[in-house]
Amino acid sequence: MLQRAELHRRLDVARAALRPRALLDRGKYRIGEKVDDTAQAVQQQFRSNKLPIAIAAAAGIAWLLREPIKEHAPKLARKIQDLAADVADHFRPADDAADEDEVETLEEEKDEAVQ
């Protein structure tokens, strides 16, 4: 009789474990555990390898934006050069600007004399 009661108890436990809701709950739990483990591993990798991951991320972004960069980089470089020249002209004394005009005139005269 004790054996029969033990077998009924085990059968009830098995039935409860094989119910669709119980299977779904167990599956959710196991998936949640795997996701948590994976998240912990990824966090640890980010903490351990910040520089390589940052370089890889920057390279990936540059690769995604390669066409717009090819199109706009020359324009941007030209604007930066013009801005730098304007700033240099702004801080250059008036005498230096006159000296540069004289140098250009002398160079032009030398070119004409050579021809």
PDB file of N, CA and C in Angstrom:
ATOM      1  N   MET A   1       0.813  -1.180   0.000  1.00  0.00           N
ATOM      2  CA  MET A   1       0.000   0.000   0.000  1.00  0.00           C
ATOM      3  C   MET A   1       0.863   1.253   0.000  1.00  0.00           C
ATOM      4  N   LEU A   2       1.946   1.243   0.714  1.00  0.00           N
ATOM      5  CA  LEU A   2       2.866   2.379   0.732  1.00  0.00           C
ATOM      6  C   LEU A   2       3.501   2.572  -0.656  1.00  0.00           C
ATOM      7  N   GLN A   3       3.821   1.436  -1.281  1.00  0.00           N
ATOM      8  CA  GLN A   3       4.419   1.538  -2.608  1.00  0.00           C
ATOM      9  C   GLN A   3       3.430   2.120  -3.612  1.00  0.00           C
ATOM     10  N   ARG A   4       2.192   1.690  -3.479  1.00  0.00           N
ATOM     11  CA  ARG A   4       1.151   2.204  -4.359  1.00  0.00           C
ATOM     12  C   ARG A   4       0.951   3.699  -4.146  1.00  0.00           C
ATOM     13  N   ALA A   5       0.945   4.170  -2.949  1.00  0.00           N
ATOM     14  CA  ALA A   5       0.797   5.600  -2.643  1.00  0.00           C
ATOM     15  C   ALA A   5       1.990   6.387  -3.190  1.00  0.00           C
ATOM     16  N   GLU A   6       3.180   5.815  -3.035  1.00  0.00           N
ATOM     17  CA  GLU A   6       4.391   6.474  -3.567  1.00  0.00           C
ATOM     18  C   GLU A   6       4.326   6.564  -5.086  1.00  0.00           C
ATOM     19  N   LEU A   7       3.860   5.515  -5.745  1.00  0.00           N
ATOM     20  CA  LEU A   7       3.731   5.531  -7.200  1.00  0.00           C
ATOM     21  C   LEU A   7       2.689   6.558  -7.655  1.00  0.00           C
ATOM     22  N   HIS A   8       1.579   6.685  -6.946  1.00  0.00           N
ATOM     23  CA  HIS A   8       0.555   7.684  -7.278  1.00  0.00           C
ATOM     24  C   HIS A   8       1.114   9.099  -7.106  1.00  0.00           C
ATOM     25  N   ARG A   9       1.892   9.299  -6.049  1.00  0.00           N
ATOM     26  CA  ARG A   9       2.473  10.621  -5.815  1.00  0.00           C
ATOM     27  C   ARG A   9       3.433  10.971  -6.945  1.00  0.00           C
ATOM     28  N   ARG A  10       4.266  10.016  -7.355  1.00  0.00           N
ATOM     29  CA  ARG A  10       5.216  10.252  -8.451  1.00  0.00           C
ATOM     30  C   ARG A  10       4.479  10.494  -9.763  1.00  0.00           C
ATOM     31  N   LEU A  11       3.403   9.778  -9.979  1.00  0.00           N
ATOM     32  CA  LEU A  11       2.616   9.968 -11.187  1.00  0.00           C
ATOM     33  C   LEU A  11       1.980  11.352 -11.212  1.00  0.00           C
ATOM     34  N   ASP A  12       1.475  11.794 -10.093  1.00  0.00           N
ATOM     35  CA  ASP A  12       0.902  13.148 -10.001  1.00  0.00           C
ATOM     36  C   ASP A  12       1.969  14.218 -10.273  1.00  0.00           C
ATOM     37  N   VAL A  13       3.152  14.006  -9.722  1.00  0.00           N
ATOM     38  CA  VAL A  13       4.251  14.954  -9.956  1.00  0.00           C
ATOM     39  C   VAL A  13       4.616  14.972 -11.450  1.00  0.00           C
ATOM     40  N   ALA A  14       4.657  13.794 -12.082  1.00  0.00           N
ATOM     41  CA  ALA A  14       4.989  13.711 -13.508  1.00  0.00           C
ATOM     42  C   ALA A  14       3.913  14.380 -14.354  1.00  0.00           C
ATOM     43  N   ARG A  15       2.632  14.154 -14.004  1.00  0.00           N
ATOM     44  CA  ARG A  15       1.535  14.812 -14.737  1.00  0.00           C
ATOM     45  C   ARG A  15       1.637  16.325 -14.619  1.00  0.00           C
ATOM     46  N   ALA A  16       1.897  16.795 -13.424  1.00  0.00           N
ATOM     47  CA  ALA A  16       2.008  18.242 -13.214  1.00  0.00           C
ATOM     48  C   ALA A  16       3.191  18.810 -13.998  1.00  0.00           C
ATOM     49  N   ALA A  17       4.268  18.072 -14.078  1.00  0.00           N
ATOM     50  CA  ALA A  17       5.459  18.556 -14.778  1.00  0.00           C
ATOM     51  C   ALA A  17       5.259  18.571 -16.292  1.00  0.00           C
ATOM     52  N   LEU A  18       4.389  17.706 -16.805  1.00  0.00           N
ATOM     53  CA  LEU A  18       4.186  17.620 -18.240  1.00  0.00           C
ATOM     54  C   LEU A  18       2.990  18.422 -18.739  1.00  0.00           C
ATOM     55  N   ARG A  19       2.353  19.177 -17.895  1.00  0.00           N
ATOM     56  CA  ARG A  19       1.266  20.048 -18.334  1.00  0.00           C
ATOM     57  C   ARG A  19       1.851  21.158 -19.203  1.00  0.00           C
ATOM     58  N   PRO A  20       1.089  21.596 -20.223  1.00  0.00           N
ATOM     59  CA  PRO A  20       1.620  22.626 -21.130  1.00  0.00           C
ATOM     60  C   PRO A  20       2.074  23.896 -20.401  1.00  0.00           C
ATOM     61  N   ARG A  21       1.319  24.312 -19.415  1.00  0.00           N
ATOM     62  CA  ARG A  21       1.689  25.533 -18.682  1.00  0.00           C
ATOM     63  C   ARG A  21       3.008  25.333 -17.926  1.00  0.00           C
ATOM     64  N   ALA A  22       3.194  24.179 -17.340  1.00  0.00           N
ATOM     65  CA  ALA A  22       4.432  23.897 -16.611  1.00  0.00           C
ATOM     66  C   ALA A  22       5.613  23.832 -17.573  1.00  0.00           C
ATOM     67  N   LEU A  23       5.403  23.208 -18.738  1.00  0.00           N
ATOM     68  CA  LEU A  23       6.474  23.147 -19.738  1.00  0.00           C
ATOM     69  C   LEU A  23       6.847  24.558 -20.220  1.00  0.00           C
ATOM     70  N   LEU A  24       5.831  25.374 -20.449  1.00  0.00           N
ATOM     71  CA  LEU A  24       6.080  26.751 -20.886  1.00  0.00           C
ATOM     72  C   LEU A  24       6.840  27.534 -19.818  1.00  0.00           C
ATOM     73  N   ASP A  25       6.444  27.410 -18.579  1.00  0.00           N
ATOM     74  CA  ASP A  25       7.131  28.114 -17.491  1.00  0.00           C
ATOM     75  C   ASP A  25       8.588  27.671 -17.363  1.00  0.00           C
ATOM     76  N   ARG A  26       8.819  26.374 -17.485  1.00  0.00           N
ATOM     77  CA  ARG A  26      10.191  25.869 -17.406  1.00  0.00           C
ATOM     78  C   ARG A  26      11.040  26.384 -18.577  1.00  0.00           C
ATOM     79  N   GLY A  27      10.424  26.400 -19.763  1.00  0.00           N
ATOM     80  CA  GLY A  27      11.140  26.911 -20.936  1.00  0.00           C
ATOM     81  C   GLY A  27      11.500  28.379 -20.772  1.00  0.00           C
ATOM     82  N   LYS A  28      10.545  29.187 -20.268  1.00  0.00           N
ATOM     83  CA  LYS A  28      10.814  30.610 -20.026  1.00  0.00           C
ATOM     84  C   LYS A  28      11.949  30.787 -19.025  1.00  0.00           C
ATOM     85  N   TYR A  29      11.908  29.998 -17.989  1.00  0.00           N
ATOM     86  CA  TYR A  29      12.938  30.094 -16.955  1.00  0.00           C
ATOM     87  C   TYR A  29      14.317  29.773 -17.531  1.00  0.00           C
ATOM     88  N   ARG A  30      14.391  28.686 -18.300  1.00  0.00           N
ATOM     89  CA  ARG A  30      15.690  28.288 -18.860  1.00  0.00           C
ATOM     90  C   ARG A  30      16.203  29.305 -19.869  1.00  0.00           C
ATOM     91  N   ILE A  31      15.310  29.829 -20.688  1.00  0.00           N
ATOM     92  CA  ILE A  31      15.723  30.858 -21.645  1.00  0.00           C
ATOM     93  C   ILE A  31      16.180  32.112 -20.907  1.00  0.00           C
ATOM     94  N   GLY A  32      15.437  32.475 -19.866  1.00  0.00           N
ATOM     95  CA  GLY A  32      15.834  33.643 -19.069  1.00  0.00           C
ATOM     96  C   GLY A  32      17.204  33.461 -18.434  1.00  0.00           C
ATOM     97  N   GLU A  33      17.475  32.274 -17.950  1.00  0.00           N
ATOM     98  CA  GLU A  33      18.784  31.992 -17.356  1.00  0.00           C
ATOM     99  C   GLU A  33      19.887  32.104 -18.403  1.00  0.00           C
ATOM    100  N   LYS A  34      19.646  31.567 -19.594  1.00  0.00           N
ATOM    101  CA  LYS A  34      20.649  31.629 -20.668  1.00  0.00           C
ATOM    102  C   LYS A  34      20.899  33.082 -21.084  1.00  0.00           C
ATOM    103  N   VAL A  35      19.818  33.868 -21.184  1.00  0.00           N
ATOM    104  CA  VAL A  35      19.970  35.283 -21.543  1.00  0.00           C
ATOM    105  C   VAL A  35      20.767  36.019 -20.472  1.00  0.00           C
ATOM    106  N   ASP A  36      20.466  35.746 -19.214  1.00  0.00           N
ATOM    107  CA  ASP A  36      21.208  36.391 -18.128  1.00  0.00           C
ATOM    108  C   ASP A  36      22.692  36.006 -18.163  1.00  0.00           C
ATOM    109  N   ASP A  37      22.966  34.732 -18.385  1.00  0.00           N
ATOM    110  CA  ASP A  37      24.360  34.284 -18.474  1.00  0.00           C
ATOM    111  C   ASP A  37      25.085  34.954 -19.639  1.00  0.00           C
ATOM    112  N   THR A  38      24.401  35.041 -20.778  1.00  0.00           N
ATOM    113  CA  THR A  38      24.996  35.678 -21.952  1.00  0.00           C
ATOM    114  C   THR A  38      25.233  37.157 -21.700  1.00  0.00           C
ATOM    115  N   ALA A  39      24.278  37.831 -21.069  1.00  0.00           N
ATOM    116  CA  ALA A  39      24.439  39.257 -20.763  1.00  0.00           C
ATOM    117  C   ALA A  39      25.621  39.476 -19.829  1.00  0.00           C
ATOM    118  N   GLN A  40      25.775  38.620 -18.843  1.00  0.00           N
ATOM    119  CA  GLN A  40      26.917  38.732 -17.927  1.00  0.00           C
ATOM    120  C   GLN A  40      28.239  38.544 -18.671  1.00  0.00           C
ATOM    121  N   ALA A  41      28.278  37.571 -19.570  1.00  0.00           N
ATOM    122  CA  ALA A  41      29.504  37.321 -20.339  1.00  0.00           C
ATOM    123  C   ALA A  41      29.836  38.500 -21.249  1.00  0.00           C
ATOM    124  N   VAL A  42      28.819  39.075 -21.891  1.00  0.00           N
ATOM    125  CA  VAL A  42      29.040  40.235 -22.764  1.00  0.00           C
ATOM    126  C   VAL A  42      29.524  41.429 -21.953  1.00  0.00           C
ATOM    127  N   GLN A  43      28.912  41.668 -20.804  1.00  0.00           N
ATOM    128  CA  GLN A  43      29.352  42.773 -19.941  1.00  0.00           C
ATOM    129  C   GLN A  43      30.803  42.588 -19.528  1.00  0.00           C
ATOM    130  N   GLN A  44      31.167  41.390 -19.178  1.00  0.00           N
ATOM    131  CA  GLN A  44      32.546  41.121 -18.772  1.00  0.00           C
ATOM    132  C   GLN A  44      33.514  41.367 -19.936  1.00  0.00           C
ATOM    133  N   GLN A  45      33.118  40.956 -21.133  1.00  0.00           N
ATOM    134  CA  GLN A  45      33.969  41.194 -22.303  1.00  0.00           C
ATOM    135  C   GLN A  45      34.120  42.687 -22.577  1.00  0.00           C
ATOM    136  N   PHE A  46      33.043  43.460 -22.443  1.00  0.00           N
ATOM    137  CA  PHE A  46      33.133  44.905 -22.639  1.00  0.00           C
ATOM    138  C   PHE A  46      34.040  45.540 -21.599  1.00  0.00           C
ATOM    139  N   ARG A  47      33.929  45.104 -20.374  1.00  0.00           N
ATOM    140  CA  ARG A  47      34.787  45.665 -19.318  1.00  0.00           C
ATOM    141  C   ARG A  47      36.248  45.315 -19.544  1.00  0.00           C
ATOM    142  N   SER A  48      36.505  44.123 -20.024  1.00  0.00           N
ATOM    143  CA  SER A  48      37.883  43.666 -20.211  1.00  0.00           C
ATOM    144  C   SER A  48      38.526  44.225 -21.474  1.00  0.00           C
ATOM    145  N   ASN A  49      37.746  44.517 -22.499  1.00  0.00           N
ATOM    146  CA  ASN A  49      38.286  44.887 -23.809  1.00  0.00           C
ATOM    147  C   ASN A  49      37.651  46.173 -24.340  1.00  0.00           C
ATOM    148  N   LYS A  50      37.727  47.234 -23.586  1.00  0.00           N
ATOM    149  CA  LYS A  50      37.068  48.480 -23.996  1.00  0.00           C
ATOM    150  C   LYS A  50      37.665  49.055 -25.276  1.00  0.00           C
ATOM    151  N   LEU A  51      38.981  49.145 -25.368  1.00  0.00           N
ATOM    152  CA  LEU A  51      39.611  49.763 -26.530  1.00  0.00           C
ATOM    153  C   LEU A  51      39.368  48.980 -27.817  1.00  0.00           C
ATOM    154  N   PRO A  52      39.600  47.673 -27.858  1.00  0.00           N
ATOM    155  CA  PRO A  52      39.332  46.960 -29.116  1.00  0.00           C
ATOM    156  C   PRO A  52      37.869  47.042 -29.550  1.00  0.00           C
ATOM    157  N   ILE A  53      36.966  47.016 -28.606  1.00  0.00           N
ATOM    158  CA  ILE A  53      35.550  47.100 -28.953  1.00  0.00           C
ATOM    159  C   ILE A  53      35.224  48.494 -29.472  1.00  0.00           C
ATOM    160  N   ALA A  54      35.802  49.524 -28.870  1.00  0.00           N
ATOM    161  CA  ALA A  54      35.573  50.890 -29.349  1.00  0.00           C
ATOM    162  C   ALA A  54      36.133  51.069 -30.757  1.00  0.00           C
ATOM    163  N   ILE A  55      37.311  50.520 -31.016  1.00  0.00           N
ATOM    164  CA  ILE A  55      37.898  50.616 -32.354  1.00  0.00           C
ATOM    165  C   ILE A  55      37.026  49.880 -33.371  1.00  0.00           C
ATOM    166  N   ALA A  56      36.563  48.707 -33.008  1.00  0.00           N
ATOM    167  CA  ALA A  56      35.705  47.940 -33.910  1.00  0.00           C
ATOM    168  C   ALA A  56      34.390  48.681 -34.174  1.00  0.00           C
ATOM    169  N   ALA A  57      33.832  49.300 -33.157  1.00  0.00           N
ATOM    170  CA  ALA A  57      32.591  50.055 -33.326  1.00  0.00           C
ATOM    171  C   ALA A  57      32.815  51.259 -34.243  1.00  0.00           C
ATOM    172  N   ALA A  58      33.914  51.990 -34.026  1.00  0.00           N
ATOM    173  CA  ALA A  58      34.216  53.148 -34.874  1.00  0.00           C
ATOM    174  C   ALA A  58      34.448  52.719 -36.318  1.00  0.00           C
ATOM    175  N   ALA A  59      35.151  51.610 -36.506  1.00  0.00           N
ATOM    176  CA  ALA A  59      35.393  51.110 -37.858  1.00  0.00           C
ATOM    177  C   ALA A  59      34.080  50.688 -38.517  1.00  0.00           C
ATOM    178  N   GLY A  60      33.213  50.072 -37.764  1.00  0.00           N
ATOM    179  CA  GLY A  60      31.914  49.676 -38.306  1.00  0.00           C
ATOM    180  C   GLY A  60      31.077  50.864 -38.721  1.00  0.00           C
ATOM    181  N   ILE A  61      31.072  51.903 -37.903  1.00  0.00           N
ATOM    182  CA  ILE A  61      30.321  53.114 -38.245  1.00  0.00           C
ATOM    183  C   ILE A  61      30.926  53.781 -39.472  1.00  0.00           C
ATOM    184  N   ALA A  62      32.256  53.859 -39.525  1.00  0.00           N
ATOM    185  CA  ALA A  62      32.914  54.453 -40.694  1.00  0.00           C
ATOM    186  C   ALA A  62      32.593  53.651 -41.956  1.00  0.00           C
ATOM    187  N   TRP A  63      32.555  52.325 -41.840  1.00  0.00           N
ATOM    188  CA  TRP A  63      32.235  51.498 -42.992  1.00  0.00           C
ATOM    189  C   TRP A  63      30.806  51.744 -43.457  1.00  0.00           C
ATOM    190  N   LEU A  64      29.883  51.883 -42.518  1.00  0.00           N
ATOM    191  CA  LEU A  64      28.494  52.148 -42.887  1.00  0.00           C
ATOM    192  C   LEU A  64      28.333  53.505 -43.563  1.00  0.00           C
ATOM    193  N   LEU A  65      29.153  54.457 -43.153  1.00  0.00           N
ATOM    194  CA  LEU A  65      29.039  55.821 -43.681  1.00  0.00           C
ATOM    195  C   LEU A  65      30.072  56.112 -44.764  1.00  0.00           C
ATOM    196  N   ARG A  66      30.663  55.089 -45.379  1.00  0.00           N
ATOM    197  CA  ARG A  66      31.767  55.301 -46.310  1.00  0.00           C
ATOM    198  C   ARG A  66      31.347  56.105 -47.543  1.00  0.00           C
ATOM    199  N   GLU A  67      30.181  55.886 -48.087  1.00  0.00           N
ATOM    200  CA  GLU A  67      29.749  56.630 -49.266  1.00  0.00           C
ATOM    201  C   GLU A  67      29.525  58.115 -48.960  1.00  0.00           C
ATOM    202  N   PRO A  68      28.786  58.456 -47.898  1.00  0.00           N
ATOM    203  CA  PRO A  68      28.656  59.878 -47.582  1.00  0.00           C
ATOM    204  C   PRO A  68      29.993  60.546 -47.250  1.00  0.00           C
ATOM    205  N   ILE A  69      30.900  59.784 -46.624  1.00  0.00           N
ATOM    206  CA  ILE A  69      32.212  60.343 -46.296  1.00  0.00           C
ATOM    207  C   ILE A  69      32.978  60.634 -47.583  1.00  0.00           C
ATOM    208  N   LYS A  70      32.949  59.709 -48.539  1.00  0.00           N
ATOM    209  CA  LYS A  70      33.637  59.938 -49.814  1.00  0.00           C
ATOM    210  C   LYS A  70      33.083  61.167 -50.520  1.00  0.00           C
ATOM    211  N   GLU A  71      31.795  61.366 -50.402  1.00  0.00           N
ATOM    212  CA  GLU A  71      31.155  62.477 -51.099  1.00  0.00           C
ATOM    213  C   GLU A  71      31.437  63.820 -50.430  1.00  0.00           C
ATOM    214  N   HIS A  72      31.387  63.851 -49.110  1.00  0.00           N
ATOM    215  CA  HIS A  72      31.463  65.130 -48.401  1.00  0.00           C
ATOM    216  C   HIS A  72      32.837  65.458 -47.835  1.00  0.00           C
ATOM    217  N   ALA A  73      33.739  64.515 -47.748  1.00  0.00           N
ATOM    218  CA  ALA A  73      35.047  64.779 -47.144  1.00  0.00           C
ATOM    219  C   ALA A  73      35.852  65.827 -47.904  1.00  0.00           C
ATOM    220  N   PRO A  74      35.918  65.787 -49.251  1.00  0.00           N
ATOM    221  CA  PRO A  74      36.693  66.832 -49.941  1.00  0.00           C
ATOM    222  C   PRO A  74      36.126  68.236 -49.714  1.00  0.00           C
ATOM    223  N   LYS A  75      34.811  68.357 -49.697  1.00  0.00           N
ATOM    224  CA  LYS A  75      34.189  69.666 -49.451  1.00  0.00           C
ATOM    225  C   LYS A  75      34.529  70.160 -48.050  1.00  0.00           C
ATOM    226  N   LEU A  76      34.457  69.257 -47.082  1.00  0.00           N
ATOM    227  CA  LEU A  76      34.752  69.623 -45.704  1.00  0.00           C
ATOM    228  C   LEU A  76      36.213  70.011 -45.544  1.00  0.00           C
ATOM    229  N   ALA A  77      37.109  69.271 -46.191  1.00  0.00           N
ATOM    230  CA  ALA A  77      38.542  69.596 -46.107  1.00  0.00           C
ATOM    231  C   ALA A  77      38.810  70.963 -46.717  1.00  0.00           C
ATOM    232  N   ARG A  78      38.165  71.266 -47.832  1.00  0.00           N
ATOM    233  CA  ARG A  78      38.339  72.576 -48.466  1.00  0.00           C
ATOM    234  C   ARG A  78      37.826  73.692 -47.553  1.00  0.00           C
ATOM    235  N   LYS A  79      36.681  73.476 -46.917  1.00  0.00           N
ATOM    236  CA  LYS A  79      36.143  74.481 -46.004  1.00  0.00           C
ATOM    237  C   LYS A  79      37.066  74.691 -44.813  1.00  0.00           C
ATOM    238  N   ILE A  80      37.624  73.616 -44.291  1.00  0.00           N
ATOM    239  CA  ILE A  80      38.541  73.731 -43.150  1.00  0.00           C
ATOM    240  C   ILE A  80      39.801  74.492 -43.556  1.00  0.00           C
ATOM    241  N   GLN A  81      40.325  74.209 -44.746  1.00  0.00           N
ATOM    242  CA  GLN A  81      41.508  74.927 -45.223  1.00  0.00           C
ATOM    243  C   GLN A  81      41.210  76.407 -45.407  1.00  0.00           C
ATOM    244  N   ASP A  82      40.036  76.731 -45.973  1.00  0.00           N
ATOM    245  CA  ASP A  82      39.658  78.137 -46.140  1.00  0.00           C
ATOM    246  C   ASP A  82      39.511  78.826 -44.795  1.00  0.00           C
ATOM    247  N   LEU A  83      38.902  78.125 -43.834  1.00  0.00           N
ATOM    248  CA  LEU A  83      38.737  78.691 -42.500  1.00  0.00           C
ATOM    249  C   LEU A  83      40.087  78.926 -41.835  1.00  0.00           C
ATOM    250  N   ALA A  84      40.999  77.980 -41.969  1.00  0.00           N
ATOM    251  CA  ALA A  84      42.332  78.137 -41.385  1.00  0.00           C
ATOM    252  C   ALA A  84      43.066  79.302 -42.033  1.00  0.00           C
ATOM    253  N   ALA A  85      42.932  79.455 -43.329  1.00  0.00           N
ATOM    254  CA  ALA A  85      43.578  80.577 -44.015  1.00  0.00           C
ATOM    255  C   ALA A  85      42.987  81.903 -43.554  1.00  0.00           C
ATOM    256  N   ASP A  86      41.670  81.954 -43.395  1.00  0.00           N
ATOM    257  CA  ASP A  86      41.032  83.177 -42.909  1.00  0.00           C
ATOM    258  C   ASP A  86      41.485  83.528 -41.497  1.00  0.00           C
ATOM    259  N   VAL A  87      41.580  82.526 -40.648  1.00  0.00           N
ATOM    260  CA  VAL A  87      42.041  82.763 -39.275  1.00  0.00           C
ATOM    261  C   VAL A  87      43.487  83.244 -39.278  1.00  0.00           C
ATOM    262  N   ALA A  88      44.320  82.623 -40.114  1.00  0.00           N
ATOM    263  CA  ALA A  88      45.725  83.043 -40.202  1.00  0.00           C
ATOM    264  C   ALA A  88      45.818  84.470 -40.721  1.00  0.00           C
ATOM    265  N   ASP A  89      45.003  84.824 -41.710  1.00  0.00           N
ATOM    266  CA  ASP A  89      44.996  86.197 -42.225  1.00  0.00           C
ATOM    267  C   ASP A  89      44.525  87.181 -41.171  1.00  0.00           C
ATOM    268  N   HIS A  90      43.579  86.770 -40.373  1.00  0.00           N
ATOM    269  CA  HIS A  90      43.041  87.658 -39.336  1.00  0.00           C
ATOM    270  C   HIS A  90      44.108  87.988 -38.286  1.00  0.00           C
ATOM    271  N   PHE A  91      44.923  87.009 -37.923  1.00  0.00           N
ATOM    272  CA  PHE A  91      45.933  87.219 -36.889  1.00  0.00           C
ATOM    273  C   PHE A  91      47.264  87.722 -37.449  1.00  0.00           C
ATOM    274  N   ARG A  92      47.413  87.750 -38.748  1.00  0.00           N
ATOM    275  CA  ARG A  92      48.650  88.215 -39.361  1.00  0.00           C
ATOM    276  C   ARG A  92      48.659  89.752 -39.335  1.00  0.00           C
ATOM    277  N   PRO A  93      49.745  90.359 -38.915  1.00  0.00           N
ATOM    278  CA  PRO A  93      49.814  91.828 -38.928  1.00  0.00           C
ATOM    279  C   PRO A  93      49.710  92.363 -40.352  1.00  0.00           C
ATOM    280  N   ALA A  94      49.317  93.620 -40.473  1.00  0.00           N
ATOM    281  CA  ALA A  94      49.124  94.248 -41.786  1.00  0.00           C
ATOM    282  C   ALA A  94      50.437  94.285 -42.557  1.00  0.00           C
ATOM    283  N   ASP A  95      51.586  94.469 -41.898  1.00  0.00           N
ATOM    284  CA  ASP A  95      52.879  94.523 -42.570  1.00  0.00           C
ATOM    285  C   ASP A  95      53.201  93.199 -43.251  1.00  0.00           C
ATOM    286  N   ASP A  96      52.836  92.072 -42.605  1.00  0.00           N
ATOM    287  CA  ASP A  96      53.096  90.760 -43.196  1.00  0.00           C
ATOM    288  C   ASP A  96      52.306  90.579 -44.482  1.00  0.00           C
ATOM    289  N   ALA A  97      51.070  91.082 -44.496  1.00  0.00           N
ATOM    290  CA  ALA A  97      50.246  90.961 -45.688  1.00  0.00           C
ATOM    291  C   ALA A  97      50.872  91.752 -46.826  1.00  0.00           C
ATOM    292  N   ALA A  98      51.384  92.940 -46.545  1.00  0.00           N
ATOM    293  CA  ALA A  98      52.043  93.739 -47.570  1.00  0.00           C
ATOM    294  C   ALA A  98      53.307  93.046 -48.051  1.00  0.00           C
ATOM    295  N   ASP A  99      54.075  92.452 -47.137  1.00  0.00           N
ATOM    296  CA  ASP A  99      55.285  91.728 -47.512  1.00  0.00           C
ATOM    297  C   ASP A  99      54.958  90.555 -48.424  1.00  0.00           C
ATOM    298  N   GLU A 100      53.858  89.861 -48.157  1.00  0.00           N
ATOM    299  CA  GLU A 100      53.471  88.735 -49.000  1.00  0.00           C
ATOM    300  C   GLU A 100      53.136  89.207 -50.406  1.00  0.00           C
ATOM    301  N   ASP A 101      52.461  90.374 -50.519  1.00  0.00           N
ATOM    302  CA  ASP A 101      52.150  90.917 -51.839  1.00  0.00           C
ATOM    303  C   ASP A 101      53.427  91.229 -52.592  1.00  0.00           C
ATOM    304  N   GLU A 102      54.436  91.765 -51.893  1.00  0.00           N
ATOM    305  CA  GLU A 102      55.710  92.068 -52.534  1.00  0.00           C
ATOM    306  C   GLU A 102      56.409  90.789 -52.980  1.00  0.00           C
ATOM    307  N   VAL A 103      56.354  89.754 -52.158  1.00  0.00           N
ATOM    308  CA  VAL A 103      56.972  88.486 -52.511  1.00  0.00           C
ATOM    309  C   VAL A 103      56.305  87.916 -53.750  1.00  0.00           C
ATOM    310  N   GLU A 104      54.964  87.955 -53.806  1.00  0.00           N
ATOM    311  CA  GLU A 104      54.246  87.445 -54.970  1.00  0.00           C
ATOM    312  C   GLU A 104      54.616  88.247 -56.216  1.00  0.00           C
ATOM    313  N   THR A 105      54.745  89.580 -56.071  1.00  0.00           N
ATOM    314  CA  THR A 105      55.110  90.427 -57.202  1.00  0.00           C
ATOM    315  C   THR A 105      56.511  90.076 -57.680  1.00  0.00           C
ATOM    316  N   LEU A 106      57.439  89.864 -56.747  1.00  0.00           N
ATOM    317  CA  LEU A 106      58.798  89.501 -57.125  1.00  0.00           C
ATOM    318  C   LEU A 106      58.824  88.153 -57.821  1.00  0.00           C
ATOM    319  N   GLU A 107      58.041  87.202 -57.349  1.00  0.00           N
ATOM    320  CA  GLU A 107      57.996  85.894 -57.973  1.00  0.00           C
ATOM    321  C   GLU A 107      57.429  85.990 -59.382  1.00  0.00           C
ATOM    322  N   GLU A 108      56.413  86.835 -59.568  1.00  0.00           N
ATOM    323  CA  GLU A 108      55.834  87.004 -60.879  1.00  0.00           C
ATOM    324  C   GLU A 108      56.844  87.641 -61.833  1.00  0.00           C
ATOM    325  N   GLU A 109      57.614  88.616 -61.320  1.00  0.00           N
ATOM    326  CA  GLU A 109      58.608  89.267 -62.156  1.00  0.00           C
ATOM    327  C   GLU A 109      59.702  88.281 -62.551  1.00  0.00           C
ATOM    328  N   LYS A 110      60.098  87.398 -61.629  1.00  0.00           N
ATOM    329  CA  LYS A 110      61.117  86.403 -61.941  1.00  0.00           C
ATOM    330  C   LYS A 110      60.583  85.447 -63.016  1.00  0.00           C
ATOM    331  N   ASP A 111      59.332  85.037 -62.888  1.00  0.00           N
ATOM    332  CA  ASP A 111      58.734  84.125 -63.880  1.00  0.00           C
ATOM    333  C   ASP A 111      58.690  84.782 -65.255  1.00  0.00           C
ATOM    334  N   GLU A 112      58.347  86.075 -65.310  1.00  0.00           N
ATOM    335  CA  GLU A 112      58.295  86.783 -66.587  1.00  0.00           C
ATOM    336  C   GLU A 112      59.682  86.926 -67.176  1.00  0.00           C
ATOM    337  N   ALA A 113      60.690  87.174 -66.318  1.00  0.00           N
ATOM    338  CA  ALA A 113      62.051  87.335 -66.800  1.00  0.00           C
ATOM    339  C   ALA A 113      62.580  86.014 -67.346  1.00  0.00           C
ATOM    340  N   VAL A 114      62.207  84.918 -66.759  1.00  0.00           N
ATOM    341  CA  VAL A 114      62.675  83.614 -67.215  1.00  0.00           C
ATOM    342  C   VAL A 114      62.085  83.291 -68.592  1.00  0.00           C
ATOM    343  N   GLN A 115      60.862  83.685 -68.818  1.00  0.00           N
ATOM    344  CA  GLN A 115      60.195  83.382 -70.090  1.00  0.00           C
ATOM    345  C   GLN A 115      60.764  84.272 -71.136  1.00  0.00           C
TER     346      GLN A 115
END
